[in-house]
Amino acid sequence: MKERETHYCVREWSEGDRPRERLRDRGPAALHDAELLAILLRVGNRGESSVALAQRLLAKYGGLEGVAAAGFSALSSLSGMGLAKAAQIMAGIELGRRVSGKARPFRPEIRSARDVYDILGARLRDEKKESFWVLLLDQRHRLQNAVRISEGSLSMTLVHPREAFQPAIRDSAAAVLFVHNHPSGDPEPSSDDWSLTERLKECGELLGIRVLDHVVLGDHAWVSLEERGGLKSRRQR
């Protein structure tokens, strides 16, 4: 019998053979199923290491899937297990299920006003009042969040720069893109839209937050004030 097999306590193994130390030094992918289970079990029993107990579980239930399907009652009643060990295994299995079941959120990259319309157009098309939104973007101009800032009357939206930039400051956005709708369906910017865009651009420069565009959405149509020169500096005009 090899020396490792005579040691019932994992603490007596050389450090390079212990599951926790192997995970620390080589990562979890380097460990086999019994070693990962042993870490969840934490300790074994008199005359049986945690790894040996894990190997027995895998053999009895035909692998990890069988252990997962066995359920709490079956695991806790098995010799050498008990309530605590069964709970540790079930909790670890459930955490794995929850992580694997959570899809990564879709974070589209905003390249044009058309992308903005694709994100908010259908949502704002039938609204009876103007609403003003800010899209929070990362360094690669991928969407982090879309936040409604205000909702106004049929003809105007009241927007204060403090409220407009507050979500971006809170979430450390690298850039922002402002959006509002025209309930009339005509996205042609008003004089107020141009004035607001200039004020937001200036505030963004003071805060160090890049304002990429201000897009007005209508009925299956949109206008980019950036494309029309609304975000150029006064030197460029």
C-alpha atoms as a PDB file:
ATOM      1  CA  MET A   1       0.000   0.000   0.000  1.00  0.00           C
ATOM      2  CA  LYS A   2       1.309   3.438  -0.915  1.00  0.00           C
ATOM      3  CA  GLU A   3       2.181   5.808   1.912  1.00  0.00           C
ATOM      4  CA  ARG A   4      -0.573   8.271   0.846  1.00  0.00           C
ATOM      5  CA  GLU A   5      -3.212   5.563   1.168  1.00  0.00           C
ATOM      6  CA  THR A   6      -2.230   4.828   4.799  1.00  0.00           C
ATOM      7  CA  HIS A   7      -2.935   8.425   5.888  1.00  0.00           C
ATOM      8  CA  TYR A   8      -6.550   8.809   6.876  1.00  0.00           C
ATOM      9  CA  CYS A   9      -6.214  12.533   7.607  1.00  0.00           C
ATOM     10  CA  VAL A  10      -5.591  14.853   4.672  1.00  0.00           C
ATOM     11  CA  ARG A  11      -3.525  17.095   6.954  1.00  0.00           C
ATOM     12  CA  GLU A  12      -0.926  14.313   7.099  1.00  0.00           C
ATOM     13  CA  TRP A  13      -0.447  14.347   3.330  1.00  0.00           C
ATOM     14  CA  SER A  14       2.331  16.323   1.735  1.00  0.00           C
ATOM     15  CA  GLU A  15       1.187  19.858   0.913  1.00  0.00           C
ATOM     16  CA  GLY A  16       1.352  19.184  -2.817  1.00  0.00           C
ATOM     17  CA  ASP A  17      -1.212  16.378  -2.486  1.00  0.00           C
ATOM     18  CA  ARG A  18      -3.801  18.213  -0.376  1.00  0.00           C
ATOM     19  CA  PRO A  19      -6.911  19.249  -2.361  1.00  0.00           C
ATOM     20  CA  ARG A  20      -7.100  22.792  -0.986  1.00  0.00           C
ATOM     21  CA  GLU A  21      -3.446  23.497  -1.634  1.00  0.00           C
ATOM     22  CA  ARG A  22      -3.689  21.962  -5.113  1.00  0.00           C
ATOM     23  CA  LEU A  23      -6.671  24.203  -5.868  1.00  0.00           C
ATOM     24  CA  ARG A  24      -4.757  27.226  -4.602  1.00  0.00           C
ATOM     25  CA  ASP A  25      -1.645  26.453  -6.635  1.00  0.00           C
ATOM     26  CA  ARG A  26      -3.103  24.933  -9.807  1.00  0.00           C
ATOM     27  CA  GLY A  27      -6.726  26.113  -9.948  1.00  0.00           C
ATOM     28  CA  PRO A  28      -9.975  24.138  -9.572  1.00  0.00           C
ATOM     29  CA  ALA A  29      -9.803  22.704 -13.096  1.00  0.00           C
ATOM     30  CA  ALA A  30      -6.714  20.675 -12.086  1.00  0.00           C
ATOM     31  CA  LEU A  31      -8.625  18.761  -9.402  1.00  0.00           C
ATOM     32  CA  HIS A  32     -10.556  15.574 -10.074  1.00  0.00           C
ATOM     33  CA  ASP A  33     -14.129  15.102  -8.896  1.00  0.00           C
ATOM     34  CA  ALA A  34     -13.226  13.394  -5.622  1.00  0.00           C
ATOM     35  CA  GLU A  35     -10.884  16.213  -4.628  1.00  0.00           C
ATOM     36  CA  LEU A  36     -13.514  18.885  -5.311  1.00  0.00           C
ATOM     37  CA  LEU A  37     -16.075  16.931  -3.293  1.00  0.00           C
ATOM     38  CA  ALA A  38     -13.518  16.503  -0.510  1.00  0.00           C
ATOM     39  CA  ILE A  39     -13.140  20.285  -0.252  1.00  0.00           C
ATOM     40  CA  LEU A  40     -16.904  20.592   0.205  1.00  0.00           C
ATOM     41  CA  LEU A  41     -16.875  17.826   2.817  1.00  0.00           C
ATOM     42  CA  ARG A  42     -13.971  19.525   4.641  1.00  0.00           C
ATOM     43  CA  VAL A  43     -13.186  16.498   6.870  1.00  0.00           C
ATOM     44  CA  GLY A  44     -13.522  12.759   6.683  1.00  0.00           C
ATOM     45  CA  ASN A  45     -14.187  10.210   9.420  1.00  0.00           C
ATOM     46  CA  ARG A  46     -12.160   8.030  11.704  1.00  0.00           C
ATOM     47  CA  GLY A  47     -10.245   5.723   9.384  1.00  0.00           C
ATOM     48  CA  GLU A  48     -11.381   7.538   6.217  1.00  0.00           C
ATOM     49  CA  SER A  49     -10.081  10.774   4.709  1.00  0.00           C
ATOM     50  CA  SER A  50     -12.356  13.330   3.098  1.00  0.00           C
ATOM     51  CA  VAL A  51     -11.025  12.249  -0.312  1.00  0.00           C
ATOM     52  CA  ALA A  52     -11.746   8.584   0.432  1.00  0.00           C
ATOM     53  CA  LEU A  53     -15.263   9.510   1.549  1.00  0.00           C
ATOM     54  CA  ALA A  54     -15.752  11.486  -1.655  1.00  0.00           C
ATOM     55  CA  GLN A  55     -14.516   8.528  -3.709  1.00  0.00           C
ATOM     56  CA  ARG A  56     -16.999   6.269  -1.926  1.00  0.00           C
ATOM     57  CA  LEU A  57     -19.852   8.682  -2.707  1.00  0.00           C
ATOM     58  CA  LEU A  58     -18.903   8.842  -6.370  1.00  0.00           C
ATOM     59  CA  ALA A  59     -18.642   5.075  -6.610  1.00  0.00           C
ATOM     60  CA  LYS A  60     -21.982   4.514  -4.884  1.00  0.00           C
ATOM     61  CA  TYR A  61     -23.952   6.988  -7.000  1.00  0.00           C
ATOM     62  CA  GLY A  62     -22.085   6.653 -10.287  1.00  0.00           C
ATOM     63  CA  GLY A  63     -20.395  10.049 -10.419  1.00  0.00           C
ATOM     64  CA  LEU A  64     -21.238  13.674  -9.711  1.00  0.00           C
ATOM     65  CA  GLU A  65     -24.593  13.596 -11.463  1.00  0.00           C
ATOM     66  CA  GLY A  66     -25.664  10.672  -9.339  1.00  0.00           C
ATOM     67  CA  VAL A  67     -24.548  12.410  -6.162  1.00  0.00           C
ATOM     68  CA  ALA A  68     -26.517  15.497  -7.201  1.00  0.00           C
ATOM     69  CA  ALA A  69     -29.614  13.407  -7.891  1.00  0.00           C
ATOM     70  CA  ALA A  70     -29.361  11.418  -4.641  1.00  0.00           C
ATOM     71  CA  GLY A  71     -30.893  14.182  -2.550  1.00  0.00           C
ATOM     72  CA  PHE A  72     -30.372  15.325   0.995  1.00  0.00           C
ATOM     73  CA  SER A  73     -32.034  12.392   2.792  1.00  0.00           C
ATOM     74  CA  ALA A  74     -30.024   9.730   0.986  1.00  0.00           C
ATOM     75  CA  LEU A  75     -26.735  11.545   1.446  1.00  0.00           C
ATOM     76  CA  SER A  76     -27.246  12.366   5.120  1.00  0.00           C
ATOM     77  CA  SER A  77     -28.181   8.773   5.984  1.00  0.00           C
ATOM     78  CA  LEU A  78     -25.081   7.315   4.354  1.00  0.00           C
ATOM     79  CA  SER A  79     -22.429   6.009   6.735  1.00  0.00           C
ATOM     80  CA  GLY A  80     -19.850   8.674   7.504  1.00  0.00           C
ATOM     81  CA  MET A  81     -21.962  11.561   6.174  1.00  0.00           C
ATOM     82  CA  GLY A  82     -24.550  13.091   8.488  1.00  0.00           C
ATOM     83  CA  LEU A  83     -26.551  16.304   8.190  1.00  0.00           C
ATOM     84  CA  ALA A  84     -23.672  18.785   7.972  1.00  0.00           C
ATOM     85  CA  LYS A  85     -21.756  17.025   5.201  1.00  0.00           C
ATOM     86  CA  ALA A  86     -24.910  16.396   3.190  1.00  0.00           C
ATOM     87  CA  ALA A  87     -25.898  20.051   3.511  1.00  0.00           C
ATOM     88  CA  GLN A  88     -22.436  21.177   2.356  1.00  0.00           C
ATOM     89  CA  ILE A  89     -22.605  19.014  -0.747  1.00  0.00           C
ATOM     90  CA  MET A  90     -26.164  20.018  -1.620  1.00  0.00           C
ATOM     91  CA  ALA A  91     -25.327  23.700  -1.172  1.00  0.00           C
ATOM     92  CA  GLY A  92     -22.267  23.389  -3.419  1.00  0.00           C
ATOM     93  CA  ILE A  93     -24.267  21.593  -6.112  1.00  0.00           C
ATOM     94  CA  GLU A  94     -27.025  24.225  -5.994  1.00  0.00           C
ATOM     95  CA  LEU A  95     -24.499  27.057  -6.288  1.00  0.00           C
ATOM     96  CA  GLY A  96     -23.078  25.393  -9.382  1.00  0.00           C
ATOM     97  CA  ARG A  97     -26.557  25.086 -10.896  1.00  0.00           C
ATOM     98  CA  ARG A  98     -27.341  28.741 -10.244  1.00  0.00           C
ATOM     99  CA  VAL A  99     -24.090  29.965 -11.743  1.00  0.00           C
ATOM    100  CA  SER A 100     -24.470  27.818 -14.863  1.00  0.00           C
ATOM    101  CA  GLY A 101     -28.099  28.894 -15.224  1.00  0.00           C
ATOM    102  CA  LYS A 102     -27.340  32.602 -15.256  1.00  0.00           C
ATOM    103  CA  ALA A 103     -26.670  33.761 -18.794  1.00  0.00           C
ATOM    104  CA  ARG A 104     -24.341  36.687 -19.243  1.00  0.00           C
ATOM    105  CA  PRO A 105     -26.347  39.825 -19.829  1.00  0.00           C
ATOM    106  CA  PHE A 106     -26.451  40.998 -23.426  1.00  0.00           C
ATOM    107  CA  ARG A 107     -24.434  44.201 -23.732  1.00  0.00           C
ATOM    108  CA  PRO A 108     -24.794  45.557 -27.260  1.00  0.00           C
ATOM    109  CA  GLU A 109     -22.181  47.925 -28.607  1.00  0.00           C
ATOM    110  CA  ILE A 110     -23.623  51.296 -29.616  1.00  0.00           C
ATOM    111  CA  ARG A 111     -22.183  52.318 -32.978  1.00  0.00           C
ATOM    112  CA  SER A 112     -24.892  54.544 -34.418  1.00  0.00           C
ATOM    113  CA  ALA A 113     -28.240  56.239 -33.815  1.00  0.00           C
ATOM    114  CA  ARG A 114     -29.848  53.195 -35.442  1.00  0.00           C
ATOM    115  CA  ASP A 115     -28.519  51.058 -32.588  1.00  0.00           C
ATOM    116  CA  VAL A 116     -30.165  53.468 -30.151  1.00  0.00           C
ATOM    117  CA  TYR A 117     -33.466  53.156 -31.997  1.00  0.00           C
ATOM    118  CA  ASP A 118     -33.219  49.362 -31.896  1.00  0.00           C
ATOM    119  CA  ILE A 119     -32.852  49.512 -28.111  1.00  0.00           C
ATOM    120  CA  LEU A 120     -35.499  52.111 -27.196  1.00  0.00           C
ATOM    121  CA  GLY A 121     -37.567  52.771 -30.315  1.00  0.00           C
ATOM    122  CA  ALA A 122     -40.293  50.204 -29.747  1.00  0.00           C
ATOM    123  CA  ARG A 123     -40.493  51.102 -26.066  1.00  0.00           C
ATOM    124  CA  LEU A 124     -40.983  54.846 -26.649  1.00  0.00           C
ATOM    125  CA  ARG A 125     -42.934  54.802 -29.912  1.00  0.00           C
ATOM    126  CA  ASP A 126     -46.400  54.736 -28.345  1.00  0.00           C
ATOM    127  CA  GLU A 127     -45.735  56.936 -25.324  1.00  0.00           C
ATOM    128  CA  LYS A 128     -47.979  59.995 -25.076  1.00  0.00           C
ATOM    129  CA  LYS A 129     -45.427  62.161 -23.278  1.00  0.00           C
ATOM    130  CA  GLU A 130     -41.832  62.966 -23.912  1.00  0.00           C
ATOM    131  CA  SER A 131     -39.419  60.992 -21.767  1.00  0.00           C
ATOM    132  CA  PHE A 132     -35.707  61.599 -21.462  1.00  0.00           C
ATOM    133  CA  TRP A 133     -33.234  58.731 -21.073  1.00  0.00           C
ATOM    134  CA  VAL A 134     -29.508  58.272 -20.596  1.00  0.00           C
ATOM    135  CA  LEU A 135     -27.660  55.217 -21.901  1.00  0.00           C
ATOM    136  CA  LEU A 136     -24.622  54.339 -19.796  1.00  0.00           C
ATOM    137  CA  LEU A 137     -21.704  52.938 -21.778  1.00  0.00           C
ATOM    138  CA  ASP A 138     -18.337  51.391 -20.974  1.00  0.00           C
ATOM    139  CA  GLN A 139     -14.984  52.159 -22.614  1.00  0.00           C
ATOM    140  CA  ARG A 140     -15.920  50.063 -25.655  1.00  0.00           C
ATOM    141  CA  HIS A 141     -19.297  51.818 -25.926  1.00  0.00           C
ATOM    142  CA  ARG A 142     -21.160  48.708 -24.796  1.00  0.00           C
ATOM    143  CA  LEU A 143     -24.456  49.332 -23.057  1.00  0.00           C
ATOM    144  CA  GLN A 144     -24.316  49.042 -19.272  1.00  0.00           C
ATOM    145  CA  ASN A 145     -27.771  50.365 -18.463  1.00  0.00           C
ATOM    146  CA  ALA A 146     -30.615  52.516 -19.771  1.00  0.00           C
ATOM    147  CA  VAL A 147     -32.100  54.916 -17.223  1.00  0.00           C
ATOM    148  CA  ARG A 148     -35.183  57.105 -17.537  1.00  0.00           C
ATOM    149  CA  ILE A 149     -34.317  60.568 -16.238  1.00  0.00           C
ATOM    150  CA  SER A 150     -37.606  62.441 -16.580  1.00  0.00           C
ATOM    151  CA  GLU A 151     -41.026  62.480 -18.146  1.00  0.00           C
ATOM    152  CA  GLY A 152     -42.570  65.689 -19.402  1.00  0.00           C
ATOM    153  CA  SER A 153     -45.663  67.085 -21.052  1.00  0.00           C
ATOM    154  CA  LEU A 154     -46.717  66.537 -24.644  1.00  0.00           C
ATOM    155  CA  SER A 155     -44.412  69.319 -25.806  1.00  0.00           C
ATOM    156  CA  MET A 156     -41.365  69.448 -23.538  1.00  0.00           C
ATOM    157  CA  THR A 157     -39.276  67.475 -21.096  1.00  0.00           C
ATOM    158  CA  LEU A 158     -37.705  69.161 -18.089  1.00  0.00           C
ATOM    159  CA  VAL A 159     -34.131  67.933 -17.756  1.00  0.00           C
ATOM    160  CA  HIS A 160     -31.549  69.160 -15.276  1.00  0.00           C
ATOM    161  CA  PRO A 161     -27.906  68.200 -15.916  1.00  0.00           C
ATOM    162  CA  ARG A 162     -27.560  67.087 -12.292  1.00  0.00           C
ATOM    163  CA  GLU A 163     -30.208  64.392 -12.780  1.00  0.00           C
ATOM    164  CA  ALA A 164     -28.991  63.595 -16.293  1.00  0.00           C
ATOM    165  CA  PHE A 165     -25.445  62.727 -15.183  1.00  0.00           C
ATOM    166  CA  GLN A 166     -26.207  61.280 -11.746  1.00  0.00           C
ATOM    167  CA  PRO A 167     -26.590  57.639 -12.990  1.00  0.00           C
ATOM    168  CA  ALA A 168     -23.337  57.910 -14.953  1.00  0.00           C
ATOM    169  CA  ILE A 169     -21.455  59.185 -11.913  1.00  0.00           C
ATOM    170  CA  ARG A 170     -22.990  56.530  -9.681  1.00  0.00           C
ATOM    171  CA  ASP A 171     -22.145  53.652 -12.043  1.00  0.00           C
ATOM    172  CA  SER A 172     -18.773  55.054 -13.235  1.00  0.00           C
ATOM    173  CA  ALA A 173     -19.830  55.061 -16.883  1.00  0.00           C
ATOM    174  CA  ALA A 174     -17.113  55.950 -19.371  1.00  0.00           C
ATOM    175  CA  ALA A 175     -19.527  57.636 -21.757  1.00  0.00           C
ATOM    176  CA  VAL A 176     -23.196  58.486 -22.066  1.00  0.00           C
ATOM    177  CA  LEU A 177     -25.724  58.876 -24.823  1.00  0.00           C
ATOM    178  CA  PHE A 178     -28.922  60.844 -24.300  1.00  0.00           C
ATOM    179  CA  VAL A 179     -32.234  59.905 -25.856  1.00  0.00           C
ATOM    180  CA  HIS A 180     -35.738  61.327 -25.882  1.00  0.00           C
ATOM    181  CA  ASN A 181     -38.867  60.742 -27.901  1.00  0.00           C
ATOM    182  CA  HIS A 182     -41.259  62.998 -29.785  1.00  0.00           C
ATOM    183  CA  PRO A 183     -44.812  61.715 -29.267  1.00  0.00           C
ATOM    184  CA  SER A 184     -45.833  63.455 -32.502  1.00  0.00           C
ATOM    185  CA  GLY A 185     -43.784  60.870 -34.376  1.00  0.00           C
ATOM    186  CA  ASP A 186     -41.607  63.538 -36.009  1.00  0.00           C
ATOM    187  CA  PRO A 187     -38.015  63.286 -34.693  1.00  0.00           C
ATOM    188  CA  GLU A 188     -36.941  66.672 -36.024  1.00  0.00           C
ATOM    189  CA  PRO A 189     -35.081  68.426 -33.144  1.00  0.00           C
ATOM    190  CA  SER A 190     -36.594  71.555 -31.655  1.00  0.00           C
ATOM    191  CA  SER A 191     -34.650  74.644 -30.641  1.00  0.00           C
ATOM    192  CA  ASP A 192     -34.964  73.453 -27.035  1.00  0.00           C
ATOM    193  CA  ASP A 193     -33.403  70.131 -28.053  1.00  0.00           C
ATOM    194  CA  TRP A 194     -30.406  71.938 -29.528  1.00  0.00           C
ATOM    195  CA  SER A 195     -29.970  74.135 -26.446  1.00  0.00           C
ATOM    196  CA  LEU A 196     -30.228  71.172 -24.079  1.00  0.00           C
ATOM    197  CA  THR A 197     -27.694  69.203 -26.119  1.00  0.00           C
ATOM    198  CA  GLU A 198     -25.157  72.012 -25.920  1.00  0.00           C
ATOM    199  CA  ARG A 199     -25.652  72.339 -22.163  1.00  0.00           C
ATOM    200  CA  LEU A 200     -25.266  68.586 -21.604  1.00  0.00           C
ATOM    201  CA  LYS A 201     -22.135  68.501 -23.756  1.00  0.00           C
ATOM    202  CA  GLU A 202     -20.569  71.285 -21.677  1.00  0.00           C
ATOM    203  CA  CYS A 203     -21.475  69.556 -18.400  1.00  0.00           C
ATOM    204  CA  GLY A 204     -20.022  66.283 -19.643  1.00  0.00           C
ATOM    205  CA  GLU A 205     -16.734  67.995 -20.443  1.00  0.00           C
ATOM    206  CA  LEU A 206     -16.591  69.445 -16.927  1.00  0.00           C
ATOM    207  CA  LEU A 207     -17.319  66.037 -15.369  1.00  0.00           C
ATOM    208  CA  GLY A 208     -14.952  64.097 -17.608  1.00  0.00           C
ATOM    209  CA  ILE A 209     -17.795  62.002 -19.041  1.00  0.00           C
ATOM    210  CA  ARG A 210     -17.934  61.832 -22.812  1.00  0.00           C
ATOM    211  CA  VAL A 211     -21.316  62.647 -24.344  1.00  0.00           C
ATOM    212  CA  LEU A 212     -21.481  60.621 -27.558  1.00  0.00           C
ATOM    213  CA  ASP A 213     -24.825  61.752 -28.908  1.00  0.00           C
ATOM    214  CA  HIS A 214     -28.323  63.015 -28.267  1.00  0.00           C
ATOM    215  CA  VAL A 215     -30.819  61.017 -30.316  1.00  0.00           C
ATOM    216  CA  VAL A 216     -34.428  62.041 -30.875  1.00  0.00           C
ATOM    217  CA  LEU A 217     -36.782  59.140 -31.606  1.00  0.00           C
ATOM    218  CA  GLY A 218     -39.990  59.334 -33.593  1.00  0.00           C
ATOM    219  CA  ASP A 219     -42.307  56.897 -35.326  1.00  0.00           C
ATOM    220  CA  HIS A 220     -39.927  54.465 -37.058  1.00  0.00           C
ATOM    221  CA  ALA A 221     -37.469  57.336 -37.425  1.00  0.00           C
ATOM    222  CA  TRP A 222     -34.682  59.049 -35.528  1.00  0.00           C
ATOM    223  CA  VAL A 223     -32.331  62.013 -35.672  1.00  0.00           C
ATOM    224  CA  SER A 224     -28.783  62.142 -34.322  1.00  0.00           C
ATOM    225  CA  LEU A 225     -27.795  65.602 -33.149  1.00  0.00           C
ATOM    226  CA  GLU A 226     -24.162  64.484 -33.190  1.00  0.00           C
ATOM    227  CA  GLU A 227     -24.421  63.731 -36.909  1.00  0.00           C
ATOM    228  CA  ARG A 228     -25.857  67.205 -37.431  1.00  0.00           C
ATOM    229  CA  GLY A 229     -23.016  68.855 -35.580  1.00  0.00           C
ATOM    230  CA  GLY A 230     -24.791  69.414 -32.288  1.00  0.00           C
ATOM    231  CA  LEU A 231     -21.911  68.009 -30.239  1.00  0.00           C
ATOM    232  CA  LYS A 232     -19.058  69.819 -31.937  1.00  0.00           C
ATOM    233  CA  SER A 233     -17.093  72.262 -29.853  1.00  0.00           C
ATOM    234  CA  ARG A 234     -17.591  75.945 -30.577  1.00  0.00           C
ATOM    235  CA  ARG A 235     -14.146  76.053 -32.173  1.00  0.00           C
ATOM    236  CA  GLN A 236     -15.263  73.460 -34.703  1.00  0.00           C
ATOM    237  CA  ARG A 237     -18.411  75.380 -35.677  1.00  0.00           C
END
